[in-house]
Amino acid sequence: MAFISLIPIGGGIALSGIVRKEFGWVISIIGAATVILTFVFPVKTEEGIMIFGTFAVIWGLAFAITGLKIAKQDMD
């Protein structure tokens, strides 16, 4: 469910101009790709667990980078 919410969150970040548009679009793509791959590979299988875990790490890194960019802009 959390990955579905990434699609509008990423779109909002991309359109708001808080950080570069690319970060917002990447977050939206991560959300859409995870939702699609979760339907193809259920999380109860070994492949599904690996894909879901990989996207969770990518999701965490994308949000950490976005947060650091916002914090850096606030410091300037």
N, C-alpha and C. Protein backbone atom coordinates (compact mmCIF):
# COMPACT_ATOMS: atom_id res chain seq x y z
N MET A 1 0.81 -1.19 0.00
CA MET A 1 0.00 0.00 0.00
C MET A 1 0.87 1.26 0.00
N ALA A 2 1.99 1.19 0.69
CA ALA A 2 2.85 2.38 0.77
C ALA A 2 3.43 2.73 -0.60
N PHE A 3 3.69 1.71 -1.43
CA PHE A 3 4.26 2.00 -2.73
C PHE A 3 3.25 2.64 -3.68
N ILE A 4 1.96 2.37 -3.49
CA ILE A 4 0.93 3.03 -4.30
C ILE A 4 0.93 4.53 -4.01
N SER A 5 1.17 4.89 -2.76
CA SER A 5 1.16 6.31 -2.40
C SER A 5 2.36 7.07 -2.98
N LEU A 6 3.39 6.35 -3.42
CA LEU A 6 4.55 7.02 -4.01
C LEU A 6 4.23 7.71 -5.33
N ILE A 7 3.24 7.20 -6.04
CA ILE A 7 2.92 7.76 -7.36
C ILE A 7 2.46 9.22 -7.23
N PRO A 8 1.45 9.54 -6.41
CA PRO A 8 1.07 10.95 -6.29
C PRO A 8 2.10 11.79 -5.51
N ILE A 9 2.79 11.18 -4.55
CA ILE A 9 3.81 11.92 -3.80
C ILE A 9 4.93 12.35 -4.74
N GLY A 10 5.40 11.42 -5.56
CA GLY A 10 6.45 11.74 -6.52
C GLY A 10 6.01 12.78 -7.52
N GLY A 11 4.78 12.66 -7.99
CA GLY A 11 4.26 13.66 -8.92
C GLY A 11 4.18 15.04 -8.29
N GLY A 12 3.78 15.09 -7.04
CA GLY A 12 3.70 16.36 -6.33
C GLY A 12 5.08 16.98 -6.12
N ILE A 13 6.06 16.14 -5.80
CA ILE A 13 7.42 16.65 -5.63
C ILE A 13 7.96 17.15 -6.96
N ALA A 14 7.67 16.42 -8.04
CA ALA A 14 8.16 16.83 -9.36
C ALA A 14 7.55 18.15 -9.80
N LEU A 15 6.27 18.34 -9.54
CA LEU A 15 5.60 19.55 -10.00
C LEU A 15 5.81 20.75 -9.08
N SER A 16 6.12 20.50 -7.81
CA SER A 16 6.24 21.61 -6.86
C SER A 16 7.54 22.40 -7.02
N GLY A 17 8.57 21.76 -7.49
CA GLY A 17 9.84 22.45 -7.66
C GLY A 17 10.65 22.56 -6.38
N ILE A 18 10.29 21.79 -5.36
CA ILE A 18 11.05 21.80 -4.10
C ILE A 18 12.48 21.32 -4.38
N VAL A 19 12.58 20.23 -5.10
CA VAL A 19 13.87 19.71 -5.54
C VAL A 19 13.78 19.52 -7.06
N ARG A 20 14.83 19.01 -7.64
CA ARG A 20 14.81 18.81 -9.09
C ARG A 20 13.67 17.87 -9.49
N LYS A 21 13.10 18.13 -10.65
CA LYS A 21 11.96 17.34 -11.12
C LYS A 21 12.29 15.86 -11.24
N GLU A 22 13.53 15.55 -11.57
CA GLU A 22 13.91 14.16 -11.78
C GLU A 22 13.70 13.30 -10.54
N PHE A 23 13.96 13.86 -9.36
CA PHE A 23 13.76 13.09 -8.13
C PHE A 23 12.29 12.71 -7.97
N GLY A 24 11.40 13.64 -8.25
CA GLY A 24 9.97 13.35 -8.15
C GLY A 24 9.53 12.29 -9.13
N TRP A 25 10.01 12.40 -10.37
CA TRP A 25 9.63 11.40 -11.37
C TRP A 25 10.21 10.04 -11.04
N VAL A 26 11.42 9.99 -10.50
CA VAL A 26 12.01 8.71 -10.10
C VAL A 26 11.18 8.07 -9.00
N ILE A 27 10.72 8.85 -8.05
CA ILE A 27 9.89 8.32 -6.96
C ILE A 27 8.58 7.78 -7.53
N SER A 28 7.97 8.48 -8.48
CA SER A 28 6.74 8.00 -9.10
C SER A 28 6.98 6.70 -9.86
N ILE A 29 8.08 6.63 -10.59
CA ILE A 29 8.40 5.42 -11.35
C ILE A 29 8.67 4.25 -10.42
N ILE A 30 9.36 4.49 -9.31
CA ILE A 30 9.60 3.42 -8.33
C ILE A 30 8.27 2.88 -7.81
N GLY A 31 7.34 3.79 -7.48
CA GLY A 31 6.04 3.35 -6.98
C GLY A 31 5.27 2.54 -8.01
N ALA A 32 5.22 3.02 -9.25
CA ALA A 32 4.49 2.32 -10.31
C ALA A 32 5.13 0.97 -10.62
N ALA A 33 6.46 0.94 -10.71
CA ALA A 33 7.14 -0.32 -11.03
C ALA A 33 6.96 -1.34 -9.91
N THR A 34 6.99 -0.90 -8.67
CA THR A 34 6.81 -1.83 -7.56
C THR A 34 5.40 -2.40 -7.53
N VAL A 35 4.41 -1.56 -7.79
CA VAL A 35 3.02 -2.05 -7.82
C VAL A 35 2.85 -3.08 -8.93
N ILE A 36 3.39 -2.79 -10.11
CA ILE A 36 3.26 -3.72 -11.24
C ILE A 36 4.00 -5.02 -10.95
N LEU A 37 5.24 -4.93 -10.46
CA LEU A 37 6.01 -6.14 -10.20
C LEU A 37 5.43 -6.95 -9.04
N THR A 38 4.78 -6.30 -8.09
CA THR A 38 4.15 -7.04 -7.00
C THR A 38 2.97 -7.87 -7.50
N PHE A 39 2.27 -7.36 -8.52
CA PHE A 39 1.19 -8.15 -9.11
C PHE A 39 1.74 -9.31 -9.92
N VAL A 40 2.88 -9.12 -10.57
CA VAL A 40 3.47 -10.19 -11.39
C VAL A 40 4.14 -11.24 -10.51
N PHE A 41 4.93 -10.80 -9.52
CA PHE A 41 5.62 -11.68 -8.60
C PHE A 41 5.06 -11.46 -7.21
N PRO A 42 4.16 -12.31 -6.74
CA PRO A 42 3.60 -12.11 -5.40
C PRO A 42 4.70 -12.10 -4.34
N VAL A 43 4.49 -11.34 -3.28
CA VAL A 43 5.50 -11.17 -2.24
C VAL A 43 5.74 -12.48 -1.49
N LYS A 44 4.83 -13.43 -1.59
CA LYS A 44 4.98 -14.71 -0.88
C LYS A 44 6.00 -15.63 -1.53
N THR A 45 6.47 -15.30 -2.73
CA THR A 45 7.48 -16.12 -3.40
C THR A 45 8.86 -15.54 -3.14
N GLU A 46 9.90 -16.36 -3.39
CA GLU A 46 11.26 -15.90 -3.16
C GLU A 46 11.63 -14.73 -4.09
N GLU A 47 11.20 -14.83 -5.35
CA GLU A 47 11.48 -13.75 -6.29
C GLU A 47 10.77 -12.46 -5.87
N GLY A 48 9.54 -12.60 -5.42
CA GLY A 48 8.78 -11.44 -4.97
C GLY A 48 9.42 -10.76 -3.78
N ILE A 49 9.93 -11.55 -2.85
CA ILE A 49 10.59 -10.99 -1.66
C ILE A 49 11.84 -10.22 -2.07
N MET A 50 12.62 -10.79 -2.99
CA MET A 50 13.85 -10.12 -3.45
C MET A 50 13.52 -8.81 -4.18
N ILE A 51 12.54 -8.84 -5.06
CA ILE A 51 12.16 -7.64 -5.81
C ILE A 51 11.62 -6.58 -4.87
N PHE A 52 10.75 -6.99 -3.94
CA PHE A 52 10.16 -6.04 -3.00
C PHE A 52 11.24 -5.43 -2.11
N GLY A 53 12.16 -6.25 -1.63
CA GLY A 53 13.25 -5.74 -0.80
C GLY A 53 14.17 -4.79 -1.54
N THR A 54 14.47 -5.12 -2.80
CA THR A 54 15.32 -4.25 -3.61
C THR A 54 14.66 -2.90 -3.82
N PHE A 55 13.38 -2.91 -4.16
CA PHE A 55 12.68 -1.64 -4.36
C PHE A 55 12.53 -0.87 -3.05
N ALA A 56 12.44 -1.56 -1.93
CA ALA A 56 12.37 -0.86 -0.64
C ALA A 56 13.67 -0.12 -0.36
N VAL A 57 14.80 -0.75 -0.69
CA VAL A 57 16.10 -0.08 -0.50
C VAL A 57 16.21 1.12 -1.44
N ILE A 58 15.83 0.94 -2.70
CA ILE A 58 15.86 2.05 -3.67
C ILE A 58 14.95 3.18 -3.21
N TRP A 59 13.76 2.83 -2.71
CA TRP A 59 12.81 3.82 -2.20
C TRP A 59 13.41 4.60 -1.05
N GLY A 60 14.04 3.89 -0.12
CA GLY A 60 14.66 4.55 1.02
C GLY A 60 15.78 5.49 0.60
N LEU A 61 16.62 5.05 -0.33
CA LEU A 61 17.69 5.91 -0.82
C LEU A 61 17.15 7.15 -1.53
N ALA A 62 16.11 6.97 -2.34
CA ALA A 62 15.54 8.11 -3.06
C ALA A 62 14.97 9.14 -2.09
N PHE A 63 14.29 8.68 -1.04
CA PHE A 63 13.74 9.63 -0.08
C PHE A 63 14.83 10.25 0.77
N ALA A 64 15.88 9.51 1.10
CA ALA A 64 16.99 10.08 1.87
C ALA A 64 17.69 11.17 1.05
N ILE A 65 17.93 10.92 -0.21
CA ILE A 65 18.57 11.92 -1.07
C ILE A 65 17.68 13.14 -1.22
N THR A 66 16.38 12.92 -1.41
CA THR A 66 15.45 14.04 -1.54
C THR A 66 15.43 14.86 -0.25
N GLY A 67 15.40 14.19 0.89
CA GLY A 67 15.41 14.89 2.17
C GLY A 67 16.69 15.69 2.38
N LEU A 68 17.82 15.13 1.99
CA LEU A 68 19.08 15.85 2.11
C LEU A 68 19.12 17.06 1.19
N LYS A 69 18.57 16.92 -0.02
CA LYS A 69 18.52 18.06 -0.95
C LYS A 69 17.66 19.19 -0.38
N ILE A 70 16.52 18.83 0.19
CA ILE A 70 15.64 19.85 0.79
C ILE A 70 16.33 20.51 1.97
N ALA A 71 16.99 19.72 2.82
CA ALA A 71 17.69 20.28 3.96
C ALA A 71 18.82 21.21 3.51
N LYS A 72 19.53 20.82 2.45
CA LYS A 72 20.61 21.66 1.96
C LYS A 72 20.07 22.99 1.41
N GLN A 73 18.92 22.94 0.74
CA GLN A 73 18.32 24.17 0.23
C GLN A 73 17.89 25.08 1.37
N ASP A 74 17.40 24.50 2.46
CA ASP A 74 16.99 25.31 3.61
C ASP A 74 18.18 25.97 4.29
N MET A 75 19.36 25.34 4.21
CA MET A 75 20.55 25.90 4.85
C MET A 75 21.15 27.05 4.03
N ASP A 76 20.90 27.04 2.73
CA ASP A 76 21.47 28.08 1.86
C ASP A 76 20.73 29.38 1.95
